[in-house]
N, C-alpha and C. Protein backbone atom coordinates (compact mmCIF):
# COMPACT_ATOMS: atom_id res chain seq x y z
N MET A 1 -18.13 5.49 11.17
CA MET A 1 -19.06 6.48 10.69
C MET A 1 -18.41 7.84 10.71
N ILE A 2 -18.55 8.57 9.65
CA ILE A 2 -18.07 9.94 9.60
C ILE A 2 -19.26 10.84 9.92
N TRP A 3 -19.11 11.64 10.97
CA TRP A 3 -20.19 12.56 11.35
C TRP A 3 -20.08 13.87 10.57
N GLU A 4 -18.95 14.54 10.70
CA GLU A 4 -18.72 15.82 10.02
C GLU A 4 -17.75 15.60 8.89
N SER A 5 -18.17 15.87 7.67
CA SER A 5 -17.34 15.56 6.48
C SER A 5 -16.29 16.61 6.12
N ASP A 6 -16.49 17.85 6.55
CA ASP A 6 -15.54 18.91 6.13
C ASP A 6 -14.08 18.62 6.47
N PRO A 7 -13.75 18.17 7.68
CA PRO A 7 -12.33 17.89 7.95
C PRO A 7 -11.78 16.79 7.04
N TRP A 8 -12.59 15.81 6.71
CA TRP A 8 -12.15 14.73 5.84
C TRP A 8 -11.96 15.22 4.40
N LYS A 9 -12.85 16.09 3.97
CA LYS A 9 -12.71 16.66 2.64
C LYS A 9 -11.48 17.58 2.55
N THR A 10 -11.20 18.26 3.65
CA THR A 10 -9.98 19.10 3.70
C THR A 10 -8.75 18.19 3.53
N GLU A 11 -8.76 17.02 4.20
CA GLU A 11 -7.66 16.07 4.05
C GLU A 11 -7.53 15.61 2.61
N LEU A 12 -8.66 15.34 1.96
CA LEU A 12 -8.60 14.92 0.55
C LEU A 12 -7.95 15.98 -0.32
N ARG A 13 -8.25 17.26 -0.07
CA ARG A 13 -7.63 18.36 -0.82
C ARG A 13 -6.11 18.35 -0.61
N LYS A 14 -5.71 18.16 0.66
CA LYS A 14 -4.26 18.11 0.94
C LYS A 14 -3.58 16.93 0.23
N PHE A 15 -4.25 15.77 0.25
CA PHE A 15 -3.71 14.60 -0.43
C PHE A 15 -3.61 14.85 -1.94
N SER A 16 -4.61 15.47 -2.47
CA SER A 16 -4.63 15.78 -3.91
C SER A 16 -3.44 16.67 -4.29
N GLN A 17 -3.21 17.70 -3.50
CA GLN A 17 -2.09 18.61 -3.74
C GLN A 17 -0.75 17.89 -3.57
N SER A 18 -0.68 17.04 -2.55
CA SER A 18 0.57 16.30 -2.29
C SER A 18 0.88 15.35 -3.45
N ILE A 19 -0.13 14.66 -3.97
CA ILE A 19 0.08 13.75 -5.08
C ILE A 19 0.59 14.53 -6.30
N GLU A 20 0.00 15.67 -6.58
CA GLU A 20 0.45 16.49 -7.73
C GLU A 20 1.90 16.92 -7.56
N VAL A 21 2.26 17.36 -6.38
CA VAL A 21 3.64 17.84 -6.16
C VAL A 21 4.65 16.71 -6.30
N ILE A 22 4.37 15.59 -5.61
CA ILE A 22 5.34 14.47 -5.66
C ILE A 22 5.41 13.89 -7.07
N ALA A 23 4.27 13.71 -7.73
CA ALA A 23 4.25 13.10 -9.06
C ALA A 23 4.98 13.97 -10.07
N ASP A 24 5.05 15.26 -9.85
CA ASP A 24 5.70 16.17 -10.78
C ASP A 24 7.22 16.25 -10.58
N GLU A 25 7.71 15.71 -9.47
CA GLU A 25 9.16 15.69 -9.24
C GLU A 25 9.80 14.61 -10.09
N LYS A 26 11.05 14.80 -10.41
CA LYS A 26 11.77 13.77 -11.17
C LYS A 26 12.29 12.73 -10.21
N ILE A 27 11.70 11.55 -10.24
CA ILE A 27 12.10 10.48 -9.34
C ILE A 27 12.27 9.20 -10.09
N HIS A 28 13.07 8.30 -9.53
CA HIS A 28 13.36 7.03 -10.19
C HIS A 28 13.32 5.90 -9.14
N TYR A 29 12.99 4.70 -9.59
CA TYR A 29 12.90 3.57 -8.68
C TYR A 29 14.22 3.30 -7.95
N ASP A 30 15.33 3.49 -8.67
CA ASP A 30 16.61 3.11 -8.09
C ASP A 30 17.25 4.18 -7.21
N GLU A 31 16.61 5.29 -7.01
CA GLU A 31 17.15 6.36 -6.17
C GLU A 31 16.69 6.19 -4.74
N ALA A 32 17.63 6.17 -3.83
CA ALA A 32 17.32 6.14 -2.42
C ALA A 32 17.31 7.60 -1.92
N PRO A 33 16.62 7.87 -0.83
CA PRO A 33 16.66 9.23 -0.27
C PRO A 33 18.11 9.65 -0.01
N GLU A 34 18.43 10.89 -0.34
CA GLU A 34 19.81 11.37 -0.23
C GLU A 34 20.28 11.56 1.19
N GLU A 35 19.43 12.05 2.05
CA GLU A 35 19.83 12.33 3.41
C GLU A 35 19.07 11.45 4.38
N GLU A 36 19.71 11.19 5.54
CA GLU A 36 19.07 10.42 6.60
C GLU A 36 17.78 11.08 7.02
N GLY A 37 16.72 10.32 7.09
CA GLY A 37 15.43 10.85 7.48
C GLY A 37 14.62 11.47 6.35
N GLU A 38 15.21 11.58 5.18
CA GLU A 38 14.48 12.11 4.02
C GLU A 38 13.44 11.08 3.55
N ALA A 39 12.28 11.54 3.23
CA ALA A 39 11.19 10.64 2.84
C ALA A 39 11.42 10.08 1.44
N ASP A 40 11.10 8.84 1.27
CA ASP A 40 11.14 8.18 -0.02
C ASP A 40 9.89 8.63 -0.80
N PRO A 41 10.06 9.25 -1.99
CA PRO A 41 8.87 9.78 -2.71
C PRO A 41 7.88 8.69 -3.08
N PHE A 42 8.33 7.46 -3.36
CA PHE A 42 7.39 6.40 -3.68
C PHE A 42 6.58 5.98 -2.44
N PHE A 43 7.21 6.00 -1.28
CA PHE A 43 6.47 5.70 -0.05
C PHE A 43 5.44 6.79 0.19
N GLU A 44 5.83 8.05 -0.01
CA GLU A 44 4.89 9.17 0.19
C GLU A 44 3.71 9.09 -0.76
N LEU A 45 3.96 8.74 -2.00
CA LEU A 45 2.87 8.59 -2.98
C LEU A 45 1.96 7.43 -2.59
N GLU A 46 2.57 6.32 -2.22
CA GLU A 46 1.79 5.12 -1.84
C GLU A 46 0.94 5.40 -0.62
N LYS A 47 1.53 6.02 0.40
CA LYS A 47 0.80 6.35 1.63
C LYS A 47 -0.39 7.28 1.33
N THR A 48 -0.11 8.29 0.55
CA THR A 48 -1.15 9.28 0.20
C THR A 48 -2.23 8.60 -0.63
N LEU A 49 -1.87 7.73 -1.53
CA LEU A 49 -2.84 7.02 -2.36
C LEU A 49 -3.77 6.16 -1.49
N PHE A 50 -3.20 5.38 -0.57
CA PHE A 50 -4.03 4.47 0.28
C PHE A 50 -4.92 5.28 1.22
N LEU A 51 -4.37 6.29 1.86
CA LEU A 51 -5.18 7.07 2.81
C LEU A 51 -6.30 7.83 2.09
N SER A 52 -6.00 8.40 0.94
CA SER A 52 -7.03 9.14 0.20
C SER A 52 -8.13 8.20 -0.29
N ALA A 53 -7.76 6.99 -0.73
CA ALA A 53 -8.76 6.03 -1.17
C ALA A 53 -9.67 5.62 -0.04
N PHE A 54 -9.09 5.42 1.14
CA PHE A 54 -9.90 5.06 2.30
C PHE A 54 -10.90 6.18 2.64
N ILE A 55 -10.44 7.40 2.66
CA ILE A 55 -11.32 8.54 2.97
C ILE A 55 -12.40 8.67 1.92
N MET A 56 -12.00 8.56 0.64
CA MET A 56 -12.97 8.66 -0.46
C MET A 56 -14.06 7.61 -0.30
N ARG A 57 -13.69 6.39 0.00
CA ARG A 57 -14.67 5.32 0.15
C ARG A 57 -15.57 5.54 1.35
N LYS A 58 -15.02 5.99 2.48
CA LYS A 58 -15.83 6.25 3.68
C LYS A 58 -16.83 7.39 3.42
N LEU A 59 -16.40 8.43 2.73
CA LEU A 59 -17.32 9.54 2.43
C LEU A 59 -18.48 9.04 1.55
N ILE A 60 -18.21 8.17 0.60
CA ILE A 60 -19.25 7.63 -0.27
C ILE A 60 -20.16 6.73 0.55
N GLU A 61 -19.59 5.78 1.29
CA GLU A 61 -20.40 4.84 2.06
C GLU A 61 -21.22 5.49 3.16
N ASN A 62 -20.70 6.58 3.75
CA ASN A 62 -21.43 7.26 4.82
C ASN A 62 -22.34 8.36 4.28
N LYS A 63 -22.53 8.37 2.96
CA LYS A 63 -23.47 9.28 2.28
C LYS A 63 -23.17 10.76 2.61
N LYS A 64 -21.89 11.11 2.51
CA LYS A 64 -21.46 12.49 2.77
C LYS A 64 -21.21 13.27 1.49
N ILE A 65 -21.50 12.65 0.36
CA ILE A 65 -21.39 13.33 -0.92
C ILE A 65 -22.68 13.05 -1.71
N THR A 66 -22.97 13.88 -2.68
CA THR A 66 -24.20 13.75 -3.45
C THR A 66 -24.18 12.47 -4.30
N ASN A 67 -25.37 12.00 -4.63
CA ASN A 67 -25.48 10.85 -5.51
C ASN A 67 -24.77 11.07 -6.84
N LYS A 68 -24.88 12.31 -7.34
CA LYS A 68 -24.27 12.65 -8.63
C LYS A 68 -22.75 12.41 -8.60
N VAL A 69 -22.11 12.90 -7.55
CA VAL A 69 -20.65 12.74 -7.45
C VAL A 69 -20.30 11.29 -7.08
N ALA A 70 -21.06 10.70 -6.17
CA ALA A 70 -20.82 9.30 -5.80
C ALA A 70 -20.93 8.38 -7.01
N GLY A 71 -21.81 8.74 -7.95
CA GLY A 71 -22.02 7.90 -9.12
C GLY A 71 -21.11 8.22 -10.29
N CYS A 72 -20.17 9.15 -10.11
CA CYS A 72 -19.29 9.50 -11.22
C CYS A 72 -18.41 8.29 -11.60
N SER A 73 -18.06 8.22 -12.84
CA SER A 73 -17.17 7.14 -13.30
C SER A 73 -15.90 7.71 -13.87
N ILE A 74 -14.86 6.92 -13.78
CA ILE A 74 -13.51 7.31 -14.21
C ILE A 74 -13.14 6.40 -15.37
N PRO A 75 -12.80 6.97 -16.54
CA PRO A 75 -12.36 6.14 -17.64
C PRO A 75 -10.92 5.61 -17.37
N LEU A 76 -10.76 4.31 -17.47
CA LEU A 76 -9.46 3.68 -17.23
C LEU A 76 -9.14 2.70 -18.33
N ASP A 77 -7.85 2.38 -18.46
CA ASP A 77 -7.45 1.29 -19.32
C ASP A 77 -7.34 0.03 -18.47
N ALA A 78 -7.88 -1.07 -18.99
CA ALA A 78 -7.78 -2.36 -18.31
C ALA A 78 -6.97 -3.29 -19.19
N PHE A 79 -6.18 -4.17 -18.56
CA PHE A 79 -5.32 -5.08 -19.28
C PHE A 79 -5.59 -6.50 -18.78
N ASP A 80 -6.00 -7.37 -19.69
CA ASP A 80 -6.30 -8.76 -19.33
C ASP A 80 -5.05 -9.47 -18.85
N SER A 81 -5.26 -10.44 -17.97
CA SER A 81 -4.17 -11.28 -17.47
C SER A 81 -3.68 -12.18 -18.59
N LEU A 82 -2.37 -12.37 -18.64
CA LEU A 82 -1.80 -13.26 -19.66
C LEU A 82 -1.95 -14.71 -19.22
N PRO A 83 -2.17 -15.63 -20.16
CA PRO A 83 -2.35 -17.02 -19.77
C PRO A 83 -1.12 -17.65 -19.13
N ASN A 84 0.07 -17.17 -19.47
CA ASN A 84 1.28 -17.72 -18.92
C ASN A 84 1.91 -16.81 -17.85
N ARG A 85 1.06 -16.18 -17.07
CA ARG A 85 1.52 -15.21 -16.07
C ARG A 85 2.38 -15.93 -15.03
N GLU A 86 3.18 -15.11 -14.31
CA GLU A 86 4.03 -15.64 -13.25
C GLU A 86 3.20 -16.18 -12.10
N THR A 87 3.79 -17.04 -11.32
CA THR A 87 3.09 -17.55 -10.14
C THR A 87 3.16 -16.50 -9.05
N VAL A 88 2.23 -16.63 -8.12
CA VAL A 88 2.23 -15.68 -6.99
C VAL A 88 3.53 -15.76 -6.23
N ALA A 89 4.10 -16.96 -6.09
CA ALA A 89 5.38 -17.10 -5.32
C ALA A 89 6.48 -16.30 -5.96
N SER A 90 6.60 -16.33 -7.29
CA SER A 90 7.66 -15.55 -7.95
C SER A 90 7.35 -14.08 -7.85
N GLN A 91 6.08 -13.71 -7.81
CA GLN A 91 5.72 -12.30 -7.71
C GLN A 91 6.12 -11.73 -6.35
N ILE A 92 5.97 -12.50 -5.31
CA ILE A 92 6.30 -12.02 -3.97
C ILE A 92 7.78 -11.71 -3.86
N THR A 93 8.61 -12.46 -4.56
CA THR A 93 10.06 -12.24 -4.45
C THR A 93 10.52 -11.07 -5.34
N ASN A 94 9.66 -10.59 -6.23
CA ASN A 94 9.99 -9.49 -7.12
C ASN A 94 9.70 -8.17 -6.42
N PRO A 95 10.72 -7.29 -6.20
CA PRO A 95 10.47 -6.05 -5.48
C PRO A 95 9.55 -5.07 -6.22
N LEU A 96 9.49 -5.13 -7.52
CA LEU A 96 8.60 -4.25 -8.30
C LEU A 96 7.53 -5.11 -8.94
N TYR A 97 6.33 -4.64 -8.89
CA TYR A 97 5.24 -5.40 -9.46
C TYR A 97 5.43 -5.45 -10.98
N ASP A 98 5.57 -6.64 -11.53
CA ASP A 98 5.85 -6.82 -12.95
C ASP A 98 4.58 -6.85 -13.77
N VAL A 99 4.11 -5.69 -14.16
CA VAL A 99 2.86 -5.60 -14.93
C VAL A 99 3.00 -6.25 -16.28
N GLN A 100 4.11 -5.99 -16.98
CA GLN A 100 4.27 -6.52 -18.33
C GLN A 100 4.39 -8.04 -18.37
N GLY A 101 4.89 -8.63 -17.27
CA GLY A 101 5.01 -10.09 -17.23
C GLY A 101 3.70 -10.80 -16.88
N ARG A 102 2.72 -10.05 -16.41
CA ARG A 102 1.46 -10.66 -15.97
C ARG A 102 0.25 -10.26 -16.79
N TYR A 103 0.33 -9.10 -17.48
CA TYR A 103 -0.85 -8.57 -18.16
C TYR A 103 -0.54 -8.15 -19.60
N ASP A 104 -1.55 -8.15 -20.43
CA ASP A 104 -1.42 -7.81 -21.84
C ASP A 104 -1.43 -6.30 -22.01
N ILE A 105 -0.30 -5.69 -21.76
CA ILE A 105 -0.14 -4.24 -21.79
C ILE A 105 -0.33 -3.67 -23.21
N GLU A 106 -0.10 -4.48 -24.22
CA GLU A 106 -0.19 -4.03 -25.61
C GLU A 106 -1.65 -3.84 -26.09
N ASN A 107 -2.60 -4.39 -25.36
CA ASN A 107 -4.00 -4.37 -25.80
C ASN A 107 -4.94 -3.86 -24.71
N PRO A 108 -4.87 -2.54 -24.43
CA PRO A 108 -5.75 -2.02 -23.38
C PRO A 108 -7.22 -2.03 -23.80
N GLN A 109 -8.09 -2.17 -22.85
CA GLN A 109 -9.52 -2.09 -23.06
C GLN A 109 -10.04 -0.91 -22.24
N LYS A 110 -10.85 -0.07 -22.83
CA LYS A 110 -11.43 1.07 -22.14
C LYS A 110 -12.58 0.58 -21.25
N ILE A 111 -12.53 0.98 -19.98
CA ILE A 111 -13.63 0.66 -19.05
C ILE A 111 -13.99 1.91 -18.25
N GLN A 112 -15.12 1.86 -17.61
CA GLN A 112 -15.55 2.90 -16.69
C GLN A 112 -15.55 2.30 -15.28
N CYS A 113 -14.99 3.01 -14.33
CA CYS A 113 -14.90 2.53 -12.97
C CYS A 113 -15.49 3.58 -12.02
N SER A 114 -16.35 3.17 -11.13
CA SER A 114 -16.94 4.14 -10.17
C SER A 114 -15.86 4.54 -9.15
N ALA A 115 -16.06 5.68 -8.54
CA ALA A 115 -15.13 6.13 -7.51
C ALA A 115 -15.06 5.13 -6.37
N HIS A 116 -16.18 4.58 -5.99
CA HIS A 116 -16.22 3.57 -4.92
C HIS A 116 -15.41 2.34 -5.28
N ASP A 117 -15.60 1.85 -6.52
CA ASP A 117 -14.88 0.64 -6.95
C ASP A 117 -13.38 0.92 -7.07
N LEU A 118 -13.03 2.11 -7.56
CA LEU A 118 -11.63 2.47 -7.68
C LEU A 118 -10.99 2.50 -6.30
N ALA A 119 -11.67 3.09 -5.32
CA ALA A 119 -11.15 3.11 -3.96
C ALA A 119 -10.91 1.70 -3.47
N GLY A 120 -11.85 0.80 -3.75
CA GLY A 120 -11.68 -0.60 -3.35
C GLY A 120 -10.50 -1.26 -4.02
N GLU A 121 -10.28 -0.98 -5.29
CA GLU A 121 -9.10 -1.55 -6.00
C GLU A 121 -7.79 -1.06 -5.34
N ILE A 122 -7.76 0.19 -4.94
CA ILE A 122 -6.57 0.74 -4.32
C ILE A 122 -6.36 0.16 -2.92
N ILE A 123 -7.40 0.19 -2.12
CA ILE A 123 -7.32 -0.28 -0.73
C ILE A 123 -6.91 -1.75 -0.68
N HIS A 124 -7.48 -2.56 -1.57
CA HIS A 124 -7.23 -4.00 -1.58
C HIS A 124 -6.25 -4.40 -2.66
N SER A 125 -5.32 -3.53 -2.98
CA SER A 125 -4.43 -3.81 -4.11
C SER A 125 -3.48 -4.96 -3.83
N PHE A 126 -3.42 -5.86 -4.77
CA PHE A 126 -2.49 -6.99 -4.75
C PHE A 126 -1.15 -6.51 -5.27
N GLY A 127 -1.22 -5.69 -6.32
CA GLY A 127 -0.01 -5.21 -6.94
C GLY A 127 -0.15 -3.76 -7.33
N LEU A 128 0.98 -3.06 -7.36
CA LEU A 128 1.00 -1.65 -7.67
C LEU A 128 2.35 -1.32 -8.30
N ALA A 129 2.33 -0.65 -9.44
CA ALA A 129 3.56 -0.23 -10.11
C ALA A 129 3.35 1.15 -10.69
N TRP A 130 4.30 2.01 -10.48
CA TRP A 130 4.19 3.39 -10.95
C TRP A 130 4.57 3.46 -12.41
N MET A 131 3.82 4.22 -13.19
CA MET A 131 4.13 4.49 -14.58
C MET A 131 4.93 5.80 -14.60
N ILE A 132 6.18 5.69 -14.98
CA ILE A 132 7.09 6.85 -14.93
C ILE A 132 7.47 7.23 -16.34
N SER A 133 7.35 8.53 -16.63
CA SER A 133 7.71 9.03 -17.95
C SER A 133 9.22 9.03 -18.12
N GLU A 134 9.67 9.25 -19.33
CA GLU A 134 11.11 9.26 -19.60
C GLU A 134 11.85 10.35 -18.83
N ASP A 135 11.15 11.45 -18.50
CA ASP A 135 11.80 12.51 -17.74
C ASP A 135 11.70 12.29 -16.23
N GLY A 136 11.16 11.14 -15.78
CA GLY A 136 11.16 10.81 -14.36
C GLY A 136 9.93 11.24 -13.60
N ARG A 137 8.92 11.73 -14.27
CA ARG A 137 7.69 12.14 -13.58
C ARG A 137 6.73 10.95 -13.53
N VAL A 138 5.95 10.89 -12.45
CA VAL A 138 4.98 9.82 -12.31
C VAL A 138 3.69 10.23 -13.04
N ASP A 139 3.36 9.48 -14.08
CA ASP A 139 2.17 9.80 -14.89
C ASP A 139 0.96 9.00 -14.42
N GLY A 140 1.16 7.87 -13.79
CA GLY A 140 0.07 7.05 -13.37
C GLY A 140 0.55 5.83 -12.62
N LEU A 141 -0.38 4.91 -12.39
CA LEU A 141 0.01 3.67 -11.74
C LEU A 141 -0.85 2.53 -12.25
N TYR A 142 -0.19 1.37 -12.32
CA TYR A 142 -0.87 0.14 -12.65
C TYR A 142 -1.24 -0.52 -11.32
N LEU A 143 -2.49 -1.03 -11.21
CA LEU A 143 -2.89 -1.68 -9.99
C LEU A 143 -3.93 -2.72 -10.25
N CYS A 144 -4.08 -3.63 -9.34
CA CYS A 144 -5.20 -4.56 -9.35
C CYS A 144 -5.41 -5.04 -7.93
N SER A 145 -6.64 -5.37 -7.62
CA SER A 145 -6.99 -5.86 -6.27
C SER A 145 -6.75 -7.35 -6.22
N TYR A 146 -6.73 -7.86 -5.01
CA TYR A 146 -6.62 -9.33 -4.80
C TYR A 146 -7.73 -10.04 -5.54
N LYS A 147 -8.92 -9.45 -5.54
CA LYS A 147 -10.08 -10.06 -6.18
C LYS A 147 -9.89 -10.18 -7.70
N ASN A 148 -9.19 -9.23 -8.32
CA ASN A 148 -9.07 -9.19 -9.77
C ASN A 148 -7.70 -9.51 -10.32
N GLU A 149 -6.73 -9.86 -9.47
CA GLU A 149 -5.36 -10.00 -9.95
C GLU A 149 -5.18 -11.09 -11.01
N LYS A 150 -6.05 -12.10 -11.01
CA LYS A 150 -5.94 -13.14 -12.03
C LYS A 150 -6.72 -12.78 -13.28
N LYS A 151 -7.49 -11.68 -13.24
CA LYS A 151 -8.33 -11.28 -14.38
C LYS A 151 -7.69 -10.15 -15.17
N ARG A 152 -7.35 -9.04 -14.43
CA ARG A 152 -6.91 -7.84 -15.14
C ARG A 152 -6.23 -6.86 -14.20
N ALA A 153 -5.49 -5.94 -14.83
CA ALA A 153 -4.88 -4.81 -14.12
C ALA A 153 -5.47 -3.53 -14.69
N LEU A 154 -5.40 -2.46 -13.93
CA LEU A 154 -5.90 -1.15 -14.37
C LEU A 154 -4.75 -0.16 -14.46
N LEU A 155 -4.89 0.81 -15.35
CA LEU A 155 -3.94 1.94 -15.40
C LEU A 155 -4.72 3.16 -14.97
N LEU A 156 -4.29 3.75 -13.87
CA LEU A 156 -4.92 4.95 -13.33
C LEU A 156 -4.01 6.15 -13.55
N PRO A 157 -4.37 7.08 -14.45
CA PRO A 157 -3.58 8.26 -14.63
C PRO A 157 -3.64 9.14 -13.36
N ILE A 158 -2.50 9.70 -12.95
CA ILE A 158 -2.46 10.53 -11.75
C ILE A 158 -3.43 11.69 -11.86
N GLY A 159 -3.47 12.35 -13.01
CA GLY A 159 -4.38 13.49 -13.20
C GLY A 159 -5.84 13.12 -12.98
N ALA A 160 -6.25 11.95 -13.45
CA ALA A 160 -7.63 11.50 -13.28
C ALA A 160 -7.93 11.26 -11.81
N TYR A 161 -6.98 10.69 -11.07
CA TYR A 161 -7.20 10.43 -9.63
C TYR A 161 -7.31 11.74 -8.88
N VAL A 162 -6.45 12.69 -9.20
CA VAL A 162 -6.48 14.01 -8.55
C VAL A 162 -7.81 14.69 -8.81
N ARG A 163 -8.32 14.61 -10.03
CA ARG A 163 -9.63 15.22 -10.34
C ARG A 163 -10.77 14.59 -9.53
N VAL A 164 -10.73 13.28 -9.36
CA VAL A 164 -11.76 12.58 -8.58
C VAL A 164 -11.69 13.05 -7.11
N LEU A 165 -10.47 13.11 -6.57
CA LEU A 165 -10.32 13.55 -5.17
C LEU A 165 -10.86 14.98 -5.01
N ASN A 166 -10.51 15.85 -5.94
CA ASN A 166 -10.98 17.26 -5.85
C ASN A 166 -12.49 17.35 -6.00
N ARG A 167 -13.04 16.54 -6.90
CA ARG A 167 -14.50 16.59 -7.10
C ARG A 167 -15.24 16.16 -5.82
N ILE A 168 -14.73 15.13 -5.16
CA ILE A 168 -15.34 14.66 -3.92
C ILE A 168 -15.13 15.69 -2.82
N ALA A 169 -13.92 16.25 -2.73
CA ALA A 169 -13.63 17.25 -1.69
C ALA A 169 -14.48 18.51 -1.83
N ASP A 170 -14.80 18.87 -3.08
CA ASP A 170 -15.56 20.11 -3.34
C ASP A 170 -17.07 19.90 -3.30
N ASP A 171 -17.51 18.64 -3.20
CA ASP A 171 -18.94 18.34 -3.23
C ASP A 171 -19.61 18.79 -1.94
N GLU A 172 -20.79 19.37 -2.07
CA GLU A 172 -21.56 19.84 -0.90
C GLU A 172 -22.93 19.17 -0.89
N ALA A 173 -23.10 18.19 -0.04
CA ALA A 173 -24.41 17.57 0.11
C ALA A 173 -25.24 18.47 1.04
N VAL A 174 -26.44 18.84 0.58
CA VAL A 174 -27.28 19.75 1.39
C VAL A 174 -28.56 19.11 1.88
N GLY A 175 -28.87 17.90 1.41
CA GLY A 175 -30.10 17.26 1.87
C GLY A 175 -30.13 15.79 1.51
N MET A 176 -31.13 15.11 2.12
CA MET A 176 -31.32 13.69 1.86
C MET A 176 -32.81 13.39 1.79
N ARG A 177 -33.15 12.54 0.83
CA ARG A 177 -34.53 12.09 0.71
C ARG A 177 -34.52 10.57 0.91
N VAL A 178 -35.41 10.08 1.78
CA VAL A 178 -35.52 8.65 2.06
C VAL A 178 -36.91 8.20 1.74
N TRP A 179 -37.07 7.06 1.07
CA TRP A 179 -38.40 6.55 0.77
C TRP A 179 -38.39 5.03 0.86
N LYS A 180 -39.58 4.47 1.05
CA LYS A 180 -39.73 3.02 1.13
C LYS A 180 -40.14 2.52 -0.25
N LYS A 181 -39.39 1.55 -0.73
CA LYS A 181 -39.64 0.94 -2.03
C LYS A 181 -40.73 -0.11 -1.90
N PRO A 182 -41.39 -0.50 -3.01
CA PRO A 182 -42.40 -1.57 -2.95
C PRO A 182 -41.84 -2.87 -2.37
N SER A 183 -40.53 -3.09 -2.52
CA SER A 183 -39.91 -4.31 -1.99
C SER A 183 -39.81 -4.30 -0.47
N GLY A 184 -40.04 -3.11 0.12
CA GLY A 184 -39.93 -2.99 1.57
C GLY A 184 -38.60 -2.40 2.00
N LYS A 185 -37.63 -2.34 1.07
CA LYS A 185 -36.33 -1.73 1.37
C LYS A 185 -36.44 -0.22 1.22
N TYR A 186 -35.48 0.49 1.82
CA TYR A 186 -35.47 1.92 1.72
C TYR A 186 -34.46 2.42 0.70
N GLY A 187 -34.84 3.47 -0.03
CA GLY A 187 -33.96 4.12 -0.95
C GLY A 187 -33.55 5.47 -0.38
N THR A 188 -32.37 5.93 -0.76
CA THR A 188 -31.91 7.26 -0.31
C THR A 188 -31.36 8.01 -1.50
N GLU A 189 -31.54 9.29 -1.46
CA GLU A 189 -30.95 10.18 -2.42
C GLU A 189 -30.28 11.31 -1.67
N ILE A 190 -29.02 11.53 -1.91
CA ILE A 190 -28.26 12.63 -1.33
C ILE A 190 -28.14 13.70 -2.41
N PHE A 191 -28.56 14.94 -2.07
CA PHE A 191 -28.48 16.01 -3.07
C PHE A 191 -27.86 17.26 -2.47
C-alpha cells in the first residue's frame, strides 16, 4: 500500500527524465561499457522501465491518481504472432529477443492500451527488444507479457511512455467518492 504518493510521483519524474536522456544517446547492442564500472545503457533503460512500470501500477491500484488519468489509454502498434514462430527453447538461447522471427512486424494493428495494462505488460514481460534508429537512438521497444507472447507483441514508443509517466506524476487527486451499487459492491471515484 502506498500511503503518501508524492515521493513515488517524484521518482516517476526522475525515471521519465532518465529514460529521455539515455534514449537520446547514441548506443548500440554490440557496444560494451568503455570503462570498468561504467553502466550499460541498455541495463539502465531496462531497470528504469521495470521500476517505473511497478510504481505506475501501484499508484493506479492504490487509487493515488484520478480516474481520468488512471483511465487514459495509450495508442500502440500490435503485431500478431506468426504461425511458424520459434520455440521457447530456441528463444531462451537467443541473447536478443527476435521480434521479427516471432511476430508479423509488416502488418501492425492499432490498439489502445490502458496505463494499468501497459504496466502489466512491462512487469510481466516475456520478451523485450529495443527499437533503435539508424543514428543509434532508442525510439521504442517491442515487448510482450508471458500471458500474450503466443498472441502478439506491442511496440511502445519511448516518447509515449515518457508522456504517460509525466501525466501520472503530475496528477493531483484531491478527493474520493464511495457509493454502494445495487449489486451490493462499492464503487469509487477519485477526482
